[in-house]
Amino acid sequence: MLPGCNASPYRGWYGALLPPIAGSGIAGLTFSCSVCCFSLSTSLPVALFFVALAGGGMVWRITPAKNTYVQTHVEDHMRSRVISYYVMAFQGMLPIGNLLTGTIVHQLGAKHTVTMQSIAGAVCVALFTYYSRSVRQDTPHRSAEAIP
């Protein structure tokens, strides 16, 4: 619970030092690179280290920052609809992703599949960070205090 509380981009001393989207990019790259290193490791202690690092990157900023980003960039009257699509994207697409991942694992093997997924994750983080910066420059940003 403590890492999740510290992950809020509008709370804490680092909020002024590290904007929420930049923090998401750093955490996303930490997560993706750690998963890639995990997939290539052959030693259990090294693999456990990278799994812990990946978990830290994910909990640190990825999930809270995405939720905060969605809620602060949506009009008040549309927020519940957007959040329902956001939750559907997370929960509703899991079975399809698992089916595709299982098919790829069957063809290429687990090691190569996880490596490919980590590279795809890094590309997605880069695209999200780039797109978020262009959106942030085009639209005024609402503070967290403005959210009822």
Foldseek 3Di string as FASTA:
>chain_A
DVLLVQQALQDDPCVVVAPLLNLQLVLLLQLLVLLLQLLVDDDPVSNVVSVVSNVSSCSNHNVNSVVVVLQFPDDPVCSVVSVVVVVCVVPVCVVVVVVVLVVVCVVPNDSVSSNVVSVVSNVVSVVSSVVVVVVPVVDPTDHPVPHD
